[in-house]
Structures are given as structure tokens and as C-alpha cells.
Amino acid sequence: MEIGIFSGSFNPVHIGHLALANYLCEYEGLDEVWFMVTPHNPLKEEASLMDDEFRLGLVRLAIAGYPKFRASDFEFHLPRPSYTVRTLDALKRAYPQDTFHLIIGSDNWALFLRWYQSERILAENPILIYPRPGYAVNGDSLPRNAKLASSPLFEISSTFIRRAMEEGRDVRYFLHPAVYEALKQTNP
């Protein structure tokens, strides 16, 4: 199978994540997208993350009933901090029959050379880059293993969701209904 690895904090998962993953399955040739909940991104502050299991639970709520999506705690069982190259190596060992495509935003593509062993990631794995506001990518200049997805631009972020909820704003339409209710219960 052709599996997209959508790795992230999902702090929290929102409709932009879901719509993008849906698009990638329907238009970019992926059989499934695995939402790889990352326990700690070395480029982010760990203290700002909601609990790992809570974030994973929110992803499970958000993707319930859609057969092409899978919530994954795979990185929870790997050494921390999480490095994408290690995750991809471990996935290939665990699922040798599948091809894994790393899904990253154009904002992360701009930082890609700062990633741990970025050259090896690029040499050994297909990368699917989706557009992010303010980070244009020239598809003609991409390396052989990298492809620019033609997906719509989603101008929504988990940071926006967290701030809005802290301010008491009703952002229900930016989240899957079950995720919104779970967040409301934890932050009344």
C-alpha cells in the first residue's frame, strides 16, 4: 500500500488536517494516511503540548468512521526526541510490504535541511509537500523524491485553535464535532 505519514503534534487536530489528508488520499494516490502523533518535536517546546494520550484520543475521535485514516502512537514507542528518519526506518522494518510517503507542509520544507539526517530522508523516502500560507515552493526545482501536492491551501493552525479556546471563542466549525466537545469538557 501507498501510505502517507502525516506526522505532527496535532495539538489539537483540526479540520485543516482532516481535509488535507482526505485530499491526499483522493487526489494524490495514497491508499491511507496515518496520523502519526508526535510526542515531542525537537523544534518545538514540549511544555506547550497537551498530554500525548489526550492528543492521540482526539485524533481517534476525529477520524472515526473513515477507512483511509489511521491514528498512530508508533512514535510513542521510539526514543525521544522523535526524529523523522528514525520513525521512517522503524516503519519500513515493521511494514516492509508498504511504501511510506512523508507528508510535510511547505513551511517545514523551508526548514527541511535543519532536520536530523535530512539528506538521508530525502534519498530514501518519497516526500509529499502540501502548501502552507507564506511558503511558496517551486515544484520544478524539487529533488527527485519530492512532489508538490496540488491540494487547497488551508489557513488554520492548532495554535489559532488553542488561543481562540483560551479566549473563550466558539470555534466549533474549525474542529470535528467530537474533538470540539472533548476540548470543551477539558477547558470549560
C-alpha atoms as a PDB file:
ATOM      1  CA  MET A   1       0.000   0.000   0.000  1.00  0.00           C
ATOM      2  CA  GLU A   2       0.941   3.615  -0.519  1.00  0.00           C
ATOM      3  CA  ILE A   3       0.755   5.164   2.950  1.00  0.00           C
ATOM      4  CA  GLY A   4       1.124   8.826   3.788  1.00  0.00           C
ATOM      5  CA  ILE A   5       2.786   9.561   7.113  1.00  0.00           C
ATOM      6  CA  PHE A   6       1.269  12.765   8.439  1.00  0.00           C
ATOM      7  CA  SER A   7       3.423  13.321  11.487  1.00  0.00           C
ATOM      8  CA  GLY A   8       2.708  16.136  13.879  1.00  0.00           C
ATOM      9  CA  SER A   9       1.801  17.316  17.314  1.00  0.00           C
ATOM     10  CA  PHE A  10      -1.913  17.584  16.428  1.00  0.00           C
ATOM     11  CA  ASN A  11      -2.206  19.947  19.372  1.00  0.00           C
ATOM     12  CA  PRO A  12      -5.185  19.689  18.605  1.00  0.00           C
ATOM     13  CA  VAL A  13      -6.155  18.006  15.352  1.00  0.00           C
ATOM     14  CA  HIS A  14      -8.451  20.311  13.323  1.00  0.00           C
ATOM     15  CA  ILE A  15     -10.455  20.295  10.091  1.00  0.00           C
ATOM     16  CA  GLY A  16      -7.483  21.571   8.091  1.00  0.00           C
ATOM     17  CA  HIS A  17      -5.567  18.383   8.966  1.00  0.00           C
ATOM     18  CA  LEU A  18      -8.568  16.230   8.085  1.00  0.00           C
ATOM     19  CA  ALA A  19      -9.406  17.992   4.817  1.00  0.00           C
ATOM     20  CA  LEU A  20      -5.770  17.862   3.687  1.00  0.00           C
ATOM     21  CA  ALA A  21      -5.431  14.153   4.495  1.00  0.00           C
ATOM     22  CA  ASN A  22      -8.722  13.459   2.697  1.00  0.00           C
ATOM     23  CA  TYR A  23      -7.470  15.356  -0.356  1.00  0.00           C
ATOM     24  CA  LEU A  24      -4.166  13.458  -0.388  1.00  0.00           C
ATOM     25  CA  CYS A  25      -5.991  10.117  -0.351  1.00  0.00           C
ATOM     26  CA  GLU A  26      -8.445  11.095  -3.056  1.00  0.00           C
ATOM     27  CA  TYR A  27      -6.166  13.076  -5.399  1.00  0.00           C
ATOM     28  CA  GLU A  28      -2.507  12.214  -4.715  1.00  0.00           C
ATOM     29  CA  GLY A  29      -2.579   8.407  -4.904  1.00  0.00           C
ATOM     30  CA  LEU A  30      -2.363   7.485  -1.221  1.00  0.00           C
ATOM     31  CA  ASP A  31      -4.257   4.423  -0.030  1.00  0.00           C
ATOM     32  CA  GLU A  32      -4.156   5.583   3.588  1.00  0.00           C
ATOM     33  CA  VAL A  33      -2.933   8.450   5.716  1.00  0.00           C
ATOM     34  CA  TRP A  34      -1.552   7.632   9.134  1.00  0.00           C
ATOM     35  CA  PHE A  35      -1.808  10.483  11.628  1.00  0.00           C
ATOM     36  CA  MET A  36       1.485   9.941  13.447  1.00  0.00           C
ATOM     37  CA  VAL A  37       1.016  11.733  16.753  1.00  0.00           C
ATOM     38  CA  THR A  38       4.435  13.002  17.775  1.00  0.00           C
ATOM     39  CA  PRO A  39       5.237  13.005  21.485  1.00  0.00           C
ATOM     40  CA  HIS A  40       7.913  15.680  21.157  1.00  0.00           C
ATOM     41  CA  ASN A  41       9.100  17.567  18.105  1.00  0.00           C
ATOM     42  CA  PRO A  42      12.717  18.650  18.694  1.00  0.00           C
ATOM     43  CA  LEU A  43      11.917  22.008  17.061  1.00  0.00           C
ATOM     44  CA  LYS A  44       9.037  22.751  19.468  1.00  0.00           C
ATOM     45  CA  GLU A  45       8.742  23.359  23.200  1.00  0.00           C
ATOM     46  CA  GLU A  46       7.500  20.211  24.946  1.00  0.00           C
ATOM     47  CA  ALA A  47       5.761  22.193  27.707  1.00  0.00           C
ATOM     48  CA  SER A  48       3.209  23.632  25.252  1.00  0.00           C
ATOM     49  CA  LEU A  49       1.916  20.184  24.273  1.00  0.00           C
ATOM     50  CA  MET A  50      -1.301  18.692  25.584  1.00  0.00           C
ATOM     51  CA  ASP A  51      -0.930  15.198  27.028  1.00  0.00           C
ATOM     52  CA  ASP A  52       0.233  12.625  24.444  1.00  0.00           C
ATOM     53  CA  GLU A  53      -2.631  10.181  25.038  1.00  0.00           C
ATOM     54  CA  PHE A  54      -5.183  13.017  25.002  1.00  0.00           C
ATOM     55  CA  ARG A  55      -3.927  14.262  21.607  1.00  0.00           C
ATOM     56  CA  LEU A  56      -3.989  10.699  20.261  1.00  0.00           C
ATOM     57  CA  GLY A  57      -7.531  10.297  21.581  1.00  0.00           C
ATOM     58  CA  LEU A  58      -8.593  13.498  19.815  1.00  0.00           C
ATOM     59  CA  VAL A  59      -7.188  12.164  16.535  1.00  0.00           C
ATOM     60  CA  ARG A  60      -9.094   8.902  17.047  1.00  0.00           C
ATOM     61  CA  LEU A  61     -12.301  10.865  17.614  1.00  0.00           C
ATOM     62  CA  ALA A  62     -11.691  12.976  14.514  1.00  0.00           C
ATOM     63  CA  ILE A  63     -11.024  10.091  12.114  1.00  0.00           C
ATOM     64  CA  ALA A  64     -13.570   7.578  13.411  1.00  0.00           C
ATOM     65  CA  GLY A  65     -15.519   6.013  10.585  1.00  0.00           C
ATOM     66  CA  TYR A  66     -13.194   6.982   7.718  1.00  0.00           C
ATOM     67  CA  PRO A  67     -11.422   3.843   6.484  1.00  0.00           C
ATOM     68  CA  LYS A  68      -8.481   5.625   4.812  1.00  0.00           C
ATOM     69  CA  PHE A  69      -7.288   7.287   8.032  1.00  0.00           C
ATOM     70  CA  ARG A  70      -5.428   5.695  10.908  1.00  0.00           C
ATOM     71  CA  ALA A  71      -4.375   7.183  14.255  1.00  0.00           C
ATOM     72  CA  SER A  72      -0.899   6.046  15.241  1.00  0.00           C
ATOM     73  CA  ASP A  73       1.022   6.044  18.505  1.00  0.00           C
ATOM     74  CA  PHE A  74       4.020   4.439  16.745  1.00  0.00           C
ATOM     75  CA  GLU A  75       6.368   7.262  17.780  1.00  0.00           C
ATOM     76  CA  PHE A  76       5.323   6.904  21.435  1.00  0.00           C
ATOM     77  CA  HIS A  77       7.376   3.699  21.474  1.00  0.00           C
ATOM     78  CA  LEU A  78      10.517   5.169  19.916  1.00  0.00           C
ATOM     79  CA  PRO A  79      13.332   7.039  21.695  1.00  0.00           C
ATOM     80  CA  ARG A  80      12.724  10.727  22.383  1.00  0.00           C
ATOM     81  CA  PRO A  81      13.071  13.243  20.997  1.00  0.00           C
ATOM     82  CA  SER A  82      11.332  11.992  17.861  1.00  0.00           C
ATOM     83  CA  TYR A  83      13.346  12.173  14.684  1.00  0.00           C
ATOM     84  CA  THR A  84      11.576  11.551  11.385  1.00  0.00           C
ATOM     85  CA  VAL A  85      14.430   9.484   9.949  1.00  0.00           C
ATOM     86  CA  ARG A  86      14.200   7.054  12.872  1.00  0.00           C
ATOM     87  CA  THR A  87      10.426   6.823  12.543  1.00  0.00           C
ATOM     88  CA  LEU A  88      10.627   6.082   8.818  1.00  0.00           C
ATOM     89  CA  ASP A  89      13.346   3.453   9.371  1.00  0.00           C
ATOM     90  CA  ALA A  90      11.269   1.743  12.047  1.00  0.00           C
ATOM     91  CA  LEU A  91       8.107   1.847   9.905  1.00  0.00           C
ATOM     92  CA  LYS A  92       9.916   0.217   6.987  1.00  0.00           C
ATOM     93  CA  ARG A  93      11.180  -2.547   9.289  1.00  0.00           C
ATOM     94  CA  ALA A  94       7.708  -3.107  10.783  1.00  0.00           C
ATOM     95  CA  TYR A  95       5.795  -2.898   7.478  1.00  0.00           C
ATOM     96  CA  PRO A  96       8.199  -3.921   4.678  1.00  0.00           C
ATOM     97  CA  GLN A  97       5.360  -4.525   2.224  1.00  0.00           C
ATOM     98  CA  ASP A  98       4.243  -0.859   2.279  1.00  0.00           C
ATOM     99  CA  THR A  99       5.662   2.327   0.789  1.00  0.00           C
ATOM    100  CA  PHE A 100       5.663   5.311   3.130  1.00  0.00           C
ATOM    101  CA  HIS A 101       5.362   8.869   1.853  1.00  0.00           C
ATOM    102  CA  LEU A 102       6.363  11.610   4.265  1.00  0.00           C
ATOM    103  CA  ILE A 103       3.755  14.384   4.254  1.00  0.00           C
ATOM    104  CA  ILE A 104       5.105  17.811   5.203  1.00  0.00           C
ATOM    105  CA  GLY A 105       3.958  21.370   4.814  1.00  0.00           C
ATOM    106  CA  SER A 106       5.836  23.876   2.712  1.00  0.00           C
ATOM    107  CA  ASP A 107       6.687  25.693   5.957  1.00  0.00           C
ATOM    108  CA  ASN A 108       8.564  22.584   7.124  1.00  0.00           C
ATOM    109  CA  TRP A 109      10.080  22.112   3.679  1.00  0.00           C
ATOM    110  CA  ALA A 110      11.666  25.555   4.121  1.00  0.00           C
ATOM    111  CA  LEU A 111      13.348  24.182   7.283  1.00  0.00           C
ATOM    112  CA  PHE A 112      13.982  20.699   5.956  1.00  0.00           C
ATOM    113  CA  LEU A 113      17.768  20.991   5.797  1.00  0.00           C
ATOM    114  CA  ARG A 114      17.741  21.572   9.595  1.00  0.00           C
ATOM    115  CA  TRP A 115      16.085  18.203  10.172  1.00  0.00           C
ATOM    116  CA  TYR A 116      18.185  15.393  11.583  1.00  0.00           C
ATOM    117  CA  GLN A 117      19.656  13.417   8.637  1.00  0.00           C
ATOM    118  CA  SER A 118      17.512  15.314   6.119  1.00  0.00           C
ATOM    119  CA  GLU A 119      19.686  14.184   3.205  1.00  0.00           C
ATOM    120  CA  ARG A 120      19.056  10.534   4.040  1.00  0.00           C
ATOM    121  CA  ILE A 121      15.314  11.110   4.496  1.00  0.00           C
ATOM    122  CA  LEU A 122      15.180  12.668   1.045  1.00  0.00           C
ATOM    123  CA  ALA A 123      17.323   9.992  -0.597  1.00  0.00           C
ATOM    124  CA  GLU A 124      15.390   7.060   0.853  1.00  0.00           C
ATOM    125  CA  ASN A 125      11.757   8.231   1.061  1.00  0.00           C
ATOM    126  CA  PRO A 126       9.140   9.870  -1.140  1.00  0.00           C
ATOM    127  CA  ILE A 127       8.079  13.256   0.233  1.00  0.00           C
ATOM    128  CA  LEU A 128       4.737  14.895  -0.448  1.00  0.00           C
ATOM    129  CA  ILE A 129       4.758  18.649   0.234  1.00  0.00           C
ATOM    130  CA  TYR A 130       1.481  20.491   0.783  1.00  0.00           C
ATOM    131  CA  PRO A 131       1.096  24.279   0.528  1.00  0.00           C
ATOM    132  CA  ARG A 132       1.122  26.480   3.647  1.00  0.00           C
ATOM    133  CA  PRO A 133       0.408  30.223   3.732  1.00  0.00           C
ATOM    134  CA  GLY A 134       3.514  32.318   3.087  1.00  0.00           C
ATOM    135  CA  TYR A 135       5.741  29.411   1.995  1.00  0.00           C
ATOM    136  CA  ALA A 136       5.686  29.042  -1.780  1.00  0.00           C
ATOM    137  CA  VAL A 137       7.536  26.098  -3.297  1.00  0.00           C
ATOM    138  CA  ASN A 138       8.669  25.850  -6.895  1.00  0.00           C
ATOM    139  CA  GLY A 139       7.626  22.349  -7.909  1.00  0.00           C
ATOM    140  CA  ASP A 140      10.021  22.382 -10.871  1.00  0.00           C
ATOM    141  CA  SER A 141      13.066  22.704  -8.619  1.00  0.00           C
ATOM    142  CA  LEU A 142      12.238  19.862  -6.218  1.00  0.00           C
ATOM    143  CA  PRO A 143      14.528  16.848  -5.817  1.00  0.00           C
ATOM    144  CA  ARG A 144      13.517  13.577  -7.465  1.00  0.00           C
ATOM    145  CA  ASN A 145      11.803  12.071  -4.388  1.00  0.00           C
ATOM    146  CA  ALA A 146       9.832  15.217  -3.514  1.00  0.00           C
ATOM    147  CA  LYS A 147       6.484  16.155  -5.015  1.00  0.00           C
ATOM    148  CA  LEU A 148       4.348  19.250  -4.521  1.00  0.00           C
ATOM    149  CA  ALA A 149       0.719  18.322  -3.804  1.00  0.00           C
ATOM    150  CA  SER A 150      -1.867  20.371  -5.631  1.00  0.00           C
ATOM    151  CA  SER A 151      -4.046  20.499  -2.512  1.00  0.00           C
ATOM    152  CA  PRO A 152      -6.051  23.533  -1.465  1.00  0.00           C
ATOM    153  CA  LEU A 153      -4.431  25.967   0.957  1.00  0.00           C
ATOM    154  CA  PHE A 154      -5.785  25.601   4.497  1.00  0.00           C
ATOM    155  CA  GLU A 155      -5.193  28.708   6.609  1.00  0.00           C
ATOM    156  CA  ILE A 156      -5.836  27.200  10.013  1.00  0.00           C
ATOM    157  CA  SER A 157      -3.454  26.140  12.763  1.00  0.00           C
ATOM    158  CA  SER A 158      -3.569  24.370  16.084  1.00  0.00           C
ATOM    159  CA  THR A 159      -2.073  27.492  17.670  1.00  0.00           C
ATOM    160  CA  PHE A 160      -5.054  29.516  16.418  1.00  0.00           C
ATOM    161  CA  ILE A 161      -7.466  26.918  17.857  1.00  0.00           C
ATOM    162  CA  ARG A 162      -5.751  26.875  21.276  1.00  0.00           C
ATOM    163  CA  ARG A 163      -5.666  30.681  21.527  1.00  0.00           C
ATOM    164  CA  ALA A 164      -9.277  31.034  20.453  1.00  0.00           C
ATOM    165  CA  MET A 165     -10.425  28.498  23.025  1.00  0.00           C
ATOM    166  CA  GLU A 166      -8.326  30.175  25.752  1.00  0.00           C
ATOM    167  CA  GLU A 167     -10.120  33.434  24.865  1.00  0.00           C
ATOM    168  CA  GLY A 168     -13.483  31.693  25.201  1.00  0.00           C
ATOM    169  CA  ARG A 169     -14.299  31.907  21.499  1.00  0.00           C
ATOM    170  CA  ASP A 170     -16.615  29.429  19.808  1.00  0.00           C
ATOM    171  CA  VAL A 171     -14.514  27.726  17.129  1.00  0.00           C
ATOM    172  CA  ARG A 172     -16.652  24.622  16.714  1.00  0.00           C
ATOM    173  CA  TYR A 173     -16.585  24.763  12.908  1.00  0.00           C
ATOM    174  CA  PHE A 174     -12.787  24.571  12.836  1.00  0.00           C
ATOM    175  CA  LEU A 175     -12.855  21.194  14.595  1.00  0.00           C
ATOM    176  CA  HIS A 176     -14.519  17.832  14.175  1.00  0.00           C
ATOM    177  CA  PRO A 177     -17.621  17.974  16.447  1.00  0.00           C
ATOM    178  CA  ALA A 178     -16.352  15.169  18.721  1.00  0.00           C
ATOM    179  CA  VAL A 179     -12.976  16.923  19.102  1.00  0.00           C
ATOM    180  CA  TYR A 180     -14.688  20.229  19.913  1.00  0.00           C
ATOM    181  CA  GLU A 181     -16.801  18.582  22.605  1.00  0.00           C
ATOM    182  CA  ALA A 182     -13.785  16.804  24.139  1.00  0.00           C
ATOM    183  CA  LEU A 183     -11.826  20.065  24.239  1.00  0.00           C
ATOM    184  CA  LYS A 184     -14.787  21.948  25.743  1.00  0.00           C
ATOM    185  CA  GLN A 185     -15.033  19.365  28.516  1.00  0.00           C
ATOM    186  CA  THR A 186     -11.361  19.764  29.416  1.00  0.00           C
ATOM    187  CA  ASN A 187     -11.432  23.597  29.100  1.00  0.00           C
ATOM    188  CA  PRO A 188     -14.938  24.677  30.158  1.00  0.00           C
END
